[in-house]
Amino acid sequence: MNETQVTVIGNVATEVTYAQTSGGVPVANFRLASTERRFDRARDGWVDGETQWLTVTAWRALAGHLLDSLSKGDPVVVSGRLRVREWTEGEVKRSRVEIDARSVGHDLSRGTTRFSWAPGARGGSPGGSVSGSPGGPPGGAPGWAAGGTSGPEEASGAPGAAFGEAVPGWIVDALRGRRPAGAGAGVVADGESGGDA
């Protein structure tokens, strides 16, 4: 089956609404406003273009996380399946564009946020297998990322072992916050601050 997967950047335009289906499945919705930004040569600056309005729907754990995490006005990035709903009200045909969300997060190009693990998510689900590994980390994340070990090289003692042999050592160093010899800006070593801080 072909599905149209999209990623949309915008702002939360309404408060998140939360409910449960008759079968007890959590569902949350909010309206997303995505406004095009384009450069206007006549004004020699960036201007707002047309705003697209979409309804974002999330299910199960993601629904609860949206309720706890998002507020009206927050800049977000939404990824999921695009759907167009059509219906008729009397003689008028109506439609609505929706995104069945797979992932939602704050847009970090416009601000900062702090991540908190959901209960039972860090280091594995208490109810059983996650990603094919009993008690393993969610979403296929390396064990060190879910709190199993303190770094990628500690998973088996070899640099990059948690990622497989194809990962170069400089990536592992960057993830650990080490600055390789002769490195320029962009990789920050332990105890150093980057940028203008």
N, C-alpha and C. Protein backbone atom coordinates (compact mmCIF):
# COMPACT_ATOMS: atom_id res chain seq x y z
N MET A 1 0.84 -1.19 0.00
CA MET A 1 0.00 0.00 0.00
C MET A 1 0.88 1.24 0.00
N ASN A 2 0.61 2.19 -0.90
CA ASN A 2 1.37 3.43 -0.95
C ASN A 2 0.80 4.43 0.04
N GLU A 3 1.69 5.05 0.79
CA GLU A 3 1.30 6.09 1.73
C GLU A 3 2.14 7.33 1.45
N THR A 4 1.56 8.50 1.66
CA THR A 4 2.28 9.74 1.48
C THR A 4 2.81 10.18 2.83
N GLN A 5 4.12 10.07 3.03
CA GLN A 5 4.76 10.48 4.27
C GLN A 5 5.23 11.93 4.11
N VAL A 6 4.97 12.76 5.11
CA VAL A 6 5.34 14.16 5.05
C VAL A 6 6.00 14.59 6.35
N THR A 7 6.79 15.63 6.27
CA THR A 7 7.33 16.31 7.45
C THR A 7 6.99 17.78 7.29
N VAL A 8 6.31 18.33 8.29
CA VAL A 8 5.84 19.71 8.21
C VAL A 8 6.36 20.49 9.41
N ILE A 9 6.84 21.70 9.15
CA ILE A 9 7.31 22.60 10.20
C ILE A 9 6.25 23.68 10.37
N GLY A 10 5.89 23.97 11.61
CA GLY A 10 4.88 25.00 11.85
C GLY A 10 4.73 25.30 13.32
N ASN A 11 3.57 25.86 13.68
CA ASN A 11 3.27 26.20 15.06
C ASN A 11 1.97 25.54 15.50
N VAL A 12 1.93 25.15 16.78
CA VAL A 12 0.70 24.61 17.35
C VAL A 12 -0.30 25.75 17.41
N ALA A 13 -1.43 25.62 16.71
CA ALA A 13 -2.39 26.72 16.60
C ALA A 13 -3.56 26.61 17.58
N THR A 14 -3.72 25.45 18.21
CA THR A 14 -4.79 25.26 19.18
C THR A 14 -4.23 24.47 20.36
N GLU A 15 -4.96 24.45 21.46
CA GLU A 15 -4.57 23.58 22.56
C GLU A 15 -4.75 22.12 22.12
N VAL A 16 -3.95 21.24 22.69
CA VAL A 16 -4.06 19.82 22.37
C VAL A 16 -5.32 19.26 23.04
N THR A 17 -6.15 18.56 22.25
CA THR A 17 -7.32 17.90 22.83
C THR A 17 -7.00 16.42 22.97
N TYR A 18 -7.50 15.81 24.03
CA TYR A 18 -7.17 14.42 24.35
C TYR A 18 -8.45 13.67 24.67
N ALA A 19 -8.57 12.44 24.18
CA ALA A 19 -9.74 11.61 24.46
C ALA A 19 -9.31 10.15 24.33
N GLN A 20 -10.25 9.26 24.58
CA GLN A 20 -10.03 7.84 24.36
C GLN A 20 -11.15 7.30 23.50
N THR A 21 -10.80 6.36 22.61
CA THR A 21 -11.82 5.73 21.78
C THR A 21 -12.67 4.81 22.66
N SER A 22 -13.75 4.28 22.10
CA SER A 22 -14.61 3.36 22.85
C SER A 22 -13.84 2.11 23.28
N GLY A 23 -12.76 1.80 22.56
CA GLY A 23 -11.92 0.66 22.92
C GLY A 23 -10.81 1.01 23.91
N GLY A 24 -10.78 2.27 24.38
CA GLY A 24 -9.79 2.68 25.37
C GLY A 24 -8.46 3.12 24.80
N VAL A 25 -8.38 3.37 23.47
CA VAL A 25 -7.13 3.81 22.85
C VAL A 25 -7.02 5.33 22.94
N PRO A 26 -5.94 5.86 23.55
CA PRO A 26 -5.76 7.31 23.64
C PRO A 26 -5.55 7.94 22.27
N VAL A 27 -6.15 9.12 22.07
CA VAL A 27 -5.97 9.88 20.83
C VAL A 27 -5.91 11.37 21.18
N ALA A 28 -5.02 12.09 20.51
CA ALA A 28 -4.88 13.53 20.73
C ALA A 28 -4.87 14.23 19.38
N ASN A 29 -5.36 15.47 19.37
CA ASN A 29 -5.41 16.27 18.15
C ASN A 29 -4.98 17.70 18.45
N PHE A 30 -4.41 18.34 17.44
CA PHE A 30 -4.22 19.79 17.49
C PHE A 30 -4.14 20.30 16.07
N ARG A 31 -4.39 21.60 15.90
CA ARG A 31 -4.28 22.23 14.59
C ARG A 31 -2.87 22.78 14.45
N LEU A 32 -2.31 22.58 13.27
CA LEU A 32 -0.96 23.03 12.95
C LEU A 32 -1.04 24.11 11.88
N ALA A 33 -0.38 25.23 12.11
CA ALA A 33 -0.30 26.31 11.12
C ALA A 33 1.12 26.33 10.57
N SER A 34 1.25 26.11 9.28
CA SER A 34 2.55 26.11 8.63
C SER A 34 2.59 27.24 7.61
N THR A 35 3.42 28.23 7.88
CA THR A 35 3.48 29.43 7.04
C THR A 35 4.77 29.45 6.23
N GLU A 36 4.63 29.58 4.93
CA GLU A 36 5.77 29.67 4.03
C GLU A 36 6.55 30.96 4.31
N ARG A 37 7.87 30.87 4.29
CA ARG A 37 8.72 32.06 4.38
C ARG A 37 9.49 32.16 3.08
N ARG A 38 9.46 33.34 2.47
CA ARG A 38 10.17 33.52 1.21
C ARG A 38 10.85 34.88 1.19
N PHE A 39 11.89 34.98 0.36
CA PHE A 39 12.64 36.22 0.26
C PHE A 39 11.99 37.12 -0.79
N ASP A 40 11.64 38.35 -0.40
CA ASP A 40 11.03 39.33 -1.29
C ASP A 40 12.11 40.31 -1.74
N ARG A 41 12.48 40.23 -3.03
CA ARG A 41 13.55 41.09 -3.53
C ARG A 41 13.17 42.57 -3.48
N ALA A 42 11.89 42.86 -3.71
CA ALA A 42 11.45 44.26 -3.69
C ALA A 42 11.61 44.87 -2.30
N ARG A 43 11.33 44.09 -1.27
CA ARG A 43 11.46 44.58 0.12
C ARG A 43 12.83 44.30 0.70
N ASP A 44 13.63 43.49 -0.03
CA ASP A 44 14.96 43.09 0.42
C ASP A 44 14.90 42.45 1.82
N GLY A 45 13.95 41.53 1.97
CA GLY A 45 13.82 40.84 3.25
C GLY A 45 12.87 39.66 3.15
N TRP A 46 12.79 38.89 4.23
CA TRP A 46 11.93 37.72 4.29
C TRP A 46 10.52 38.13 4.66
N VAL A 47 9.54 37.54 3.99
CA VAL A 47 8.13 37.83 4.26
C VAL A 47 7.36 36.52 4.42
N ASP A 48 6.22 36.61 5.09
CA ASP A 48 5.36 35.44 5.26
C ASP A 48 4.54 35.24 3.99
N GLY A 49 4.43 33.97 3.60
CA GLY A 49 3.58 33.61 2.48
C GLY A 49 2.26 33.06 2.99
N GLU A 50 1.70 32.14 2.25
CA GLU A 50 0.41 31.55 2.59
C GLU A 50 0.55 30.58 3.76
N THR A 51 -0.46 30.55 4.62
CA THR A 51 -0.48 29.63 5.75
C THR A 51 -1.32 28.41 5.42
N GLN A 52 -0.75 27.23 5.63
CA GLN A 52 -1.47 25.97 5.46
C GLN A 52 -1.95 25.50 6.83
N TRP A 53 -3.21 25.08 6.92
CA TRP A 53 -3.78 24.62 8.18
C TRP A 53 -4.00 23.11 8.09
N LEU A 54 -3.45 22.38 9.05
CA LEU A 54 -3.57 20.93 9.07
C LEU A 54 -4.00 20.48 10.45
N THR A 55 -4.67 19.34 10.51
CA THR A 55 -5.02 18.72 11.79
C THR A 55 -4.04 17.58 12.03
N VAL A 56 -3.40 17.60 13.19
CA VAL A 56 -2.46 16.55 13.56
C VAL A 56 -3.16 15.61 14.53
N THR A 57 -3.12 14.31 14.24
CA THR A 57 -3.72 13.29 15.10
C THR A 57 -2.63 12.34 15.55
N ALA A 58 -2.60 12.05 16.85
CA ALA A 58 -1.62 11.12 17.42
C ALA A 58 -2.35 10.08 18.26
N TRP A 59 -1.80 8.87 18.30
CA TRP A 59 -2.43 7.77 18.99
C TRP A 59 -1.53 7.21 20.08
N ARG A 60 -2.13 6.55 21.03
CA ARG A 60 -1.48 5.79 22.10
C ARG A 60 -0.50 6.65 22.90
N ALA A 61 0.73 6.18 23.10
CA ALA A 61 1.69 6.89 23.95
C ALA A 61 1.99 8.29 23.42
N LEU A 62 2.09 8.43 22.10
CA LEU A 62 2.38 9.74 21.52
C LEU A 62 1.28 10.74 21.88
N ALA A 63 0.04 10.29 21.95
CA ALA A 63 -1.07 11.18 22.31
C ALA A 63 -0.86 11.78 23.70
N GLY A 64 -0.51 10.95 24.66
CA GLY A 64 -0.26 11.44 26.01
C GLY A 64 0.94 12.35 26.09
N HIS A 65 1.98 12.04 25.32
CA HIS A 65 3.18 12.88 25.33
C HIS A 65 2.89 14.26 24.74
N LEU A 66 2.04 14.32 23.72
CA LEU A 66 1.66 15.63 23.16
C LEU A 66 0.96 16.47 24.20
N LEU A 67 0.04 15.85 24.92
CA LEU A 67 -0.73 16.56 25.94
C LEU A 67 0.20 17.13 27.00
N ASP A 68 1.21 16.37 27.39
CA ASP A 68 2.14 16.80 28.44
C ASP A 68 3.20 17.78 27.94
N SER A 69 3.44 17.83 26.62
CA SER A 69 4.60 18.55 26.10
C SER A 69 4.31 19.82 25.31
N LEU A 70 3.14 19.90 24.66
CA LEU A 70 2.90 21.00 23.73
C LEU A 70 1.92 22.02 24.28
N SER A 71 2.16 23.26 23.93
CA SER A 71 1.24 24.36 24.26
C SER A 71 0.96 25.15 22.98
N LYS A 72 -0.13 25.86 22.99
CA LYS A 72 -0.49 26.69 21.84
C LYS A 72 0.64 27.68 21.55
N GLY A 73 1.05 27.75 20.28
CA GLY A 73 2.12 28.66 19.87
C GLY A 73 3.48 28.00 19.74
N ASP A 74 3.66 26.80 20.29
CA ASP A 74 4.96 26.13 20.22
C ASP A 74 5.36 25.84 18.78
N PRO A 75 6.64 26.10 18.42
CA PRO A 75 7.13 25.70 17.10
C PRO A 75 7.44 24.21 17.11
N VAL A 76 6.94 23.49 16.12
CA VAL A 76 7.10 22.03 16.09
C VAL A 76 7.46 21.52 14.71
N VAL A 77 7.97 20.30 14.69
CA VAL A 77 8.22 19.54 13.47
C VAL A 77 7.38 18.27 13.59
N VAL A 78 6.51 18.03 12.61
CA VAL A 78 5.61 16.88 12.64
C VAL A 78 5.90 15.99 11.45
N SER A 79 6.04 14.70 11.70
CA SER A 79 6.27 13.73 10.63
C SER A 79 5.23 12.63 10.72
N GLY A 80 4.67 12.27 9.58
CA GLY A 80 3.66 11.22 9.60
C GLY A 80 3.01 11.03 8.24
N ARG A 81 1.87 10.35 8.25
CA ARG A 81 1.14 10.00 7.03
C ARG A 81 0.12 11.09 6.71
N LEU A 82 0.13 11.59 5.47
CA LEU A 82 -0.80 12.62 5.02
C LEU A 82 -2.12 11.98 4.60
N ARG A 83 -3.22 12.58 5.06
CA ARG A 83 -4.56 12.11 4.67
C ARG A 83 -5.42 13.32 4.33
N VAL A 84 -6.30 13.17 3.36
CA VAL A 84 -7.27 14.20 3.04
C VAL A 84 -8.65 13.61 3.31
N ARG A 85 -9.38 14.19 4.26
CA ARG A 85 -10.73 13.72 4.61
C ARG A 85 -11.74 14.58 3.86
N GLU A 86 -12.70 13.93 3.25
CA GLU A 86 -13.75 14.64 2.51
C GLU A 86 -15.11 14.19 3.02
N TRP A 87 -16.05 15.13 3.13
CA TRP A 87 -17.41 14.83 3.54
C TRP A 87 -18.35 15.88 2.97
N THR A 88 -19.63 15.62 3.06
CA THR A 88 -20.63 16.55 2.53
C THR A 88 -21.54 17.00 3.65
N GLU A 89 -21.74 18.30 3.72
CA GLU A 89 -22.70 18.90 4.66
C GLU A 89 -23.79 19.55 3.83
N GLY A 90 -24.92 18.86 3.72
CA GLY A 90 -25.99 19.36 2.86
C GLY A 90 -25.55 19.31 1.42
N GLU A 91 -25.51 20.49 0.79
CA GLU A 91 -25.07 20.59 -0.61
C GLU A 91 -23.59 20.92 -0.73
N VAL A 92 -22.94 21.18 0.42
CA VAL A 92 -21.55 21.66 0.39
C VAL A 92 -20.58 20.50 0.64
N LYS A 93 -19.61 20.38 -0.27
CA LYS A 93 -18.56 19.38 -0.10
C LYS A 93 -17.40 20.01 0.65
N ARG A 94 -16.96 19.36 1.72
CA ARG A 94 -15.88 19.89 2.55
C ARG A 94 -14.72 18.92 2.60
N SER A 95 -13.55 19.44 2.94
CA SER A 95 -12.37 18.59 3.08
C SER A 95 -11.46 19.14 4.17
N ARG A 96 -10.63 18.26 4.68
CA ARG A 96 -9.69 18.65 5.72
C ARG A 96 -8.41 17.84 5.53
N VAL A 97 -7.26 18.50 5.63
CA VAL A 97 -5.97 17.83 5.49
C VAL A 97 -5.49 17.45 6.89
N GLU A 98 -5.11 16.17 7.05
CA GLU A 98 -4.67 15.67 8.35
C GLU A 98 -3.30 15.00 8.22
N ILE A 99 -2.59 14.98 9.33
CA ILE A 99 -1.37 14.20 9.43
C ILE A 99 -1.57 13.20 10.56
N ASP A 100 -1.47 11.92 10.22
CA ASP A 100 -1.50 10.86 11.23
C ASP A 100 -0.07 10.76 11.74
N ALA A 101 0.21 11.40 12.88
CA ALA A 101 1.58 11.63 13.33
C ALA A 101 2.28 10.35 13.75
N ARG A 102 3.51 10.23 13.32
CA ARG A 102 4.41 9.18 13.76
C ARG A 102 5.41 9.74 14.76
N SER A 103 5.76 11.03 14.57
CA SER A 103 6.75 11.68 15.42
C SER A 103 6.46 13.17 15.46
N VAL A 104 6.57 13.76 16.65
CA VAL A 104 6.37 15.20 16.83
C VAL A 104 7.44 15.70 17.79
N GLY A 105 8.04 16.82 17.46
CA GLY A 105 9.05 17.40 18.35
C GLY A 105 9.10 18.91 18.22
N HIS A 106 9.69 19.55 19.22
CA HIS A 106 9.88 20.99 19.15
C HIS A 106 10.90 21.32 18.07
N ASP A 107 10.71 22.45 17.39
CA ASP A 107 11.63 22.92 16.35
C ASP A 107 12.80 23.62 17.04
N LEU A 108 13.93 22.93 17.15
CA LEU A 108 15.07 23.46 17.88
C LEU A 108 15.83 24.54 17.13
N SER A 109 15.44 24.85 15.90
CA SER A 109 16.05 25.99 15.21
C SER A 109 15.50 27.30 15.76
N ARG A 110 14.42 27.22 16.55
CA ARG A 110 13.78 28.42 17.08
C ARG A 110 13.80 28.51 18.59
N GLY A 111 14.41 27.54 19.27
CA GLY A 111 14.46 27.59 20.72
C GLY A 111 15.07 26.31 21.27
N THR A 112 14.99 26.16 22.58
CA THR A 112 15.55 24.99 23.23
C THR A 112 14.47 24.27 24.01
N THR A 113 14.73 23.01 24.32
CA THR A 113 13.81 22.21 25.10
C THR A 113 14.63 21.20 25.88
N ARG A 114 14.04 20.52 26.83
CA ARG A 114 14.71 19.50 27.62
C ARG A 114 13.92 18.21 27.54
N PHE A 115 14.57 17.12 27.14
CA PHE A 115 13.89 15.84 26.96
C PHE A 115 13.79 15.09 28.27
N SER A 116 12.64 14.47 28.50
CA SER A 116 12.44 13.60 29.66
C SER A 116 11.92 12.26 29.17
N TRP A 117 12.54 11.17 29.63
CA TRP A 117 12.09 9.83 29.25
C TRP A 117 10.73 9.56 29.85
N ALA A 118 9.87 8.89 29.09
CA ALA A 118 8.57 8.45 29.61
C ALA A 118 8.81 7.29 30.56
N PRO A 119 7.96 7.12 31.58
CA PRO A 119 8.12 5.98 32.49
C PRO A 119 8.13 4.67 31.73
N GLY A 120 9.13 3.83 32.01
CA GLY A 120 9.24 2.53 31.35
C GLY A 120 9.92 2.57 30.01
N ALA A 121 10.18 3.76 29.45
CA ALA A 121 10.79 3.84 28.12
C ALA A 121 12.30 3.75 28.20
N ARG A 122 12.91 4.34 29.20
CA ARG A 122 14.38 4.35 29.30
C ARG A 122 14.88 2.97 29.69
N GLY A 123 15.61 2.34 28.79
CA GLY A 123 16.16 1.03 29.08
C GLY A 123 15.20 -0.10 28.78
N GLY A 124 14.01 0.21 28.27
CA GLY A 124 13.12 -0.87 27.86
C GLY A 124 11.76 -0.79 28.51
N SER A 125 10.84 -1.47 27.89
CA SER A 125 9.47 -1.50 28.36
C SER A 125 9.31 -2.55 29.45
N PRO A 126 8.68 -2.19 30.60
CA PRO A 126 8.51 -3.18 31.63
C PRO A 126 7.61 -4.31 31.19
N GLY A 127 6.82 -4.10 30.13
CA GLY A 127 5.88 -5.12 29.70
C GLY A 127 6.46 -6.18 28.78
N GLY A 128 7.71 -6.04 28.36
CA GLY A 128 8.26 -7.08 27.51
C GLY A 128 9.16 -6.55 26.43
N SER A 129 9.09 -7.18 25.26
CA SER A 129 10.04 -6.94 24.19
C SER A 129 9.81 -5.61 23.49
N VAL A 130 10.89 -4.89 23.25
CA VAL A 130 10.88 -3.67 22.46
C VAL A 130 11.93 -3.83 21.38
N SER A 131 11.56 -3.59 20.14
CA SER A 131 12.47 -3.69 19.00
C SER A 131 13.13 -5.06 18.91
N GLY A 132 12.39 -6.11 19.25
CA GLY A 132 12.90 -7.46 19.10
C GLY A 132 13.86 -7.90 20.18
N SER A 133 14.10 -7.08 21.19
CA SER A 133 15.03 -7.45 22.24
C SER A 133 14.36 -7.31 23.58
N PRO A 134 14.17 -8.42 24.32
CA PRO A 134 13.48 -8.32 25.61
C PRO A 134 14.19 -7.36 26.54
N GLY A 135 13.42 -6.38 27.02
CA GLY A 135 13.99 -5.40 27.95
C GLY A 135 14.96 -4.45 27.30
N GLY A 136 15.07 -4.48 25.99
CA GLY A 136 16.03 -3.64 25.28
C GLY A 136 15.53 -2.22 25.15
N PRO A 137 16.37 -1.32 24.66
CA PRO A 137 16.00 0.08 24.54
C PRO A 137 14.93 0.29 23.48
N PRO A 138 14.11 1.33 23.63
CA PRO A 138 13.02 1.58 22.70
C PRO A 138 13.54 2.08 21.36
N GLY A 139 12.77 1.77 20.32
CA GLY A 139 13.05 2.34 19.00
C GLY A 139 14.37 1.92 18.40
N GLY A 140 14.99 0.87 18.91
CA GLY A 140 16.26 0.43 18.36
C GLY A 140 17.43 1.31 18.76
N ALA A 141 17.29 2.13 19.79
CA ALA A 141 18.38 2.99 20.23
C ALA A 141 19.47 2.15 20.86
N PRO A 142 20.75 2.58 20.73
CA PRO A 142 21.81 1.83 21.38
C PRO A 142 21.61 1.80 22.89
N GLY A 143 22.09 0.75 23.54
CA GLY A 143 21.92 0.61 24.98
C GLY A 143 22.46 1.80 25.76
N TRP A 144 23.60 2.37 25.30
CA TRP A 144 24.17 3.50 26.04
C TRP A 144 23.25 4.71 25.97
N ALA A 145 22.46 4.86 24.88
CA ALA A 145 21.55 6.00 24.76
C ALA A 145 20.36 5.87 25.68
N ALA A 146 19.98 4.63 26.00
CA ALA A 146 18.84 4.40 26.88
C ALA A 146 19.26 4.20 28.32
N GLY A 147 20.53 4.42 28.62
CA GLY A 147 20.99 4.34 30.00
C GLY A 147 21.63 3.03 30.38
N GLY A 148 21.80 2.10 29.41
CA GLY A 148 22.39 0.81 29.73
C GLY A 148 23.87 0.93 30.06
N THR A 149 24.61 1.77 29.32
CA THR A 149 26.02 2.03 29.59
C THR A 149 26.24 3.52 29.45
N SER A 150 27.41 3.99 29.83
CA SER A 150 27.63 5.43 29.80
C SER A 150 28.20 5.93 28.49
N GLY A 151 28.55 5.07 27.56
CA GLY A 151 29.07 5.55 26.29
C GLY A 151 29.11 4.45 25.27
N PRO A 152 29.21 4.82 23.98
CA PRO A 152 29.16 3.81 22.93
C PRO A 152 30.29 2.79 23.01
N GLU A 153 31.50 3.23 23.39
CA GLU A 153 32.60 2.28 23.41
C GLU A 153 32.52 1.32 24.58
N GLU A 154 31.70 1.65 25.59
CA GLU A 154 31.59 0.79 26.76
C GLU A 154 30.64 -0.37 26.55
N ALA A 155 29.89 -0.38 25.45
CA ALA A 155 28.95 -1.47 25.21
C ALA A 155 29.69 -2.80 25.08
N SER A 156 30.85 -2.81 24.42
CA SER A 156 31.61 -4.05 24.35
C SER A 156 33.10 -3.80 24.50
N GLY A 157 33.47 -2.58 24.87
CA GLY A 157 34.87 -2.25 25.08
C GLY A 157 35.56 -1.69 23.84
N ALA A 158 34.95 -1.79 22.66
CA ALA A 158 35.58 -1.29 21.44
C ALA A 158 34.87 -0.04 20.98
N PRO A 159 35.64 0.99 20.52
CA PRO A 159 35.00 2.21 20.03
C PRO A 159 34.00 1.92 18.93
N GLY A 160 32.79 2.44 19.10
CA GLY A 160 31.77 2.31 18.07
C GLY A 160 31.10 0.96 18.01
N ALA A 161 31.39 0.07 18.96
CA ALA A 161 30.83 -1.28 18.89
C ALA A 161 29.31 -1.27 18.98
N ALA A 162 28.75 -0.31 19.73
CA ALA A 162 27.30 -0.23 19.85
C ALA A 162 26.65 0.11 18.51
N PHE A 163 27.41 0.73 17.62
CA PHE A 163 26.88 1.13 16.32
C PHE A 163 27.20 0.14 15.22
N GLY A 164 28.10 -0.78 15.45
CA GLY A 164 28.57 -1.66 14.40
C GLY A 164 29.91 -1.19 13.88
N GLU A 165 30.55 -1.99 13.10
CA GLU A 165 31.91 -1.70 12.65
C GLU A 165 32.01 -0.53 11.67
N ALA A 166 30.90 -0.16 11.01
CA ALA A 166 30.97 0.84 9.95
C ALA A 166 31.09 2.27 10.46
N VAL A 167 30.96 2.50 11.76
CA VAL A 167 30.97 3.86 12.28
C VAL A 167 32.40 4.30 12.55
N PRO A 168 32.85 5.40 11.93
CA PRO A 168 34.22 5.89 12.16
C PRO A 168 34.40 6.36 13.61
N GLY A 169 35.62 6.27 14.08
CA GLY A 169 35.93 6.67 15.45
C GLY A 169 35.64 8.13 15.74
N TRP A 170 35.79 9.02 14.73
CA TRP A 170 35.56 10.44 14.99
C TRP A 170 34.10 10.72 15.32
N ILE A 171 33.17 9.88 14.79
CA ILE A 171 31.76 10.06 15.13
C ILE A 171 31.54 9.67 16.59
N VAL A 172 32.15 8.57 16.99
CA VAL A 172 32.04 8.15 18.38
C VAL A 172 32.62 9.22 19.29
N ASP A 173 33.80 9.79 18.92
CA ASP A 173 34.39 10.86 19.72
C ASP A 173 33.47 12.07 19.82
N ALA A 174 32.83 12.42 18.69
CA ALA A 174 31.91 13.56 18.70
C ALA A 174 30.73 13.31 19.63
N LEU A 175 30.19 12.07 19.60
CA LEU A 175 29.08 11.73 20.47
C LEU A 175 29.48 11.77 21.93
N ARG A 176 30.75 11.44 22.22
CA ARG A 176 31.24 11.45 23.59
C ARG A 176 31.70 12.84 24.01
N GLY A 177 31.70 13.82 23.08
CA GLY A 177 32.09 15.18 23.42
C GLY A 177 33.59 15.41 23.40
N ARG A 178 34.34 14.54 22.71
CA ARG A 178 35.79 14.70 22.62
C ARG A 178 36.14 15.46 21.36
N ARG A 179 37.17 16.30 21.44
CA ARG A 179 37.63 17.04 20.27
C ARG A 179 38.83 16.30 19.66
N PRO A 180 38.69 15.84 18.41
CA PRO A 180 39.83 15.18 17.76
C PRO A 180 40.97 16.16 17.55
N ALA A 181 42.18 15.65 17.44
CA ALA A 181 43.35 16.49 17.21
C ALA A 181 43.16 17.29 15.94
N GLY A 182 43.40 18.61 16.03
CA GLY A 182 43.29 19.48 14.87
C GLY A 182 41.87 19.83 14.48
N ALA A 183 40.90 19.52 15.36
CA ALA A 183 39.51 19.80 15.01
C ALA A 183 39.22 21.28 15.14
N GLY A 184 38.36 21.76 14.28
CA GLY A 184 37.94 23.15 14.33
C GLY A 184 36.67 23.30 15.15
N ALA A 185 35.94 24.39 14.91
CA ALA A 185 34.70 24.64 15.63
C ALA A 185 33.67 23.58 15.26
N GLY A 186 32.74 23.35 16.16
CA GLY A 186 31.66 22.43 15.88
C GLY A 186 31.68 21.20 16.76
N VAL A 187 32.86 20.77 17.21
CA VAL A 187 32.95 19.67 18.15
C VAL A 187 33.44 20.22 19.46
N VAL A 188 32.67 20.07 20.51
CA VAL A 188 32.98 20.67 21.79
C VAL A 188 33.49 19.60 22.73
N ALA A 189 34.67 19.81 23.31
CA ALA A 189 35.25 18.85 24.26
C ALA A 189 34.63 19.04 25.64
N ASP A 190 34.79 18.03 26.49
CA ASP A 190 34.28 18.11 27.85
C ASP A 190 34.80 19.34 28.55
N GLY A 191 33.92 20.08 29.19
CA GLY A 191 34.33 21.25 29.96
C GLY A 191 34.48 22.51 29.15
N GLU A 192 34.38 22.44 27.82
CA GLU A 192 34.50 23.62 26.98
C GLU A 192 33.13 24.05 26.53
N SER A 193 32.97 25.33 26.29
CA SER A 193 31.70 25.81 25.75
C SER A 193 31.92 26.23 24.32
N GLY A 194 30.91 26.01 23.49
CA GLY A 194 31.01 26.37 22.10
C GLY A 194 30.30 27.67 21.83
N GLY A 195 30.56 28.26 20.68
CA GLY A 195 29.86 29.49 20.27
C GLY A 195 30.29 30.68 21.09
N ASP A 196 29.32 31.58 21.35
CA ASP A 196 29.61 32.84 22.03
C ASP A 196 29.29 32.77 23.50
N ALA A 197 29.10 31.59 24.05
CA ALA A 197 28.71 31.47 25.46
C ALA A 197 29.80 31.94 26.37
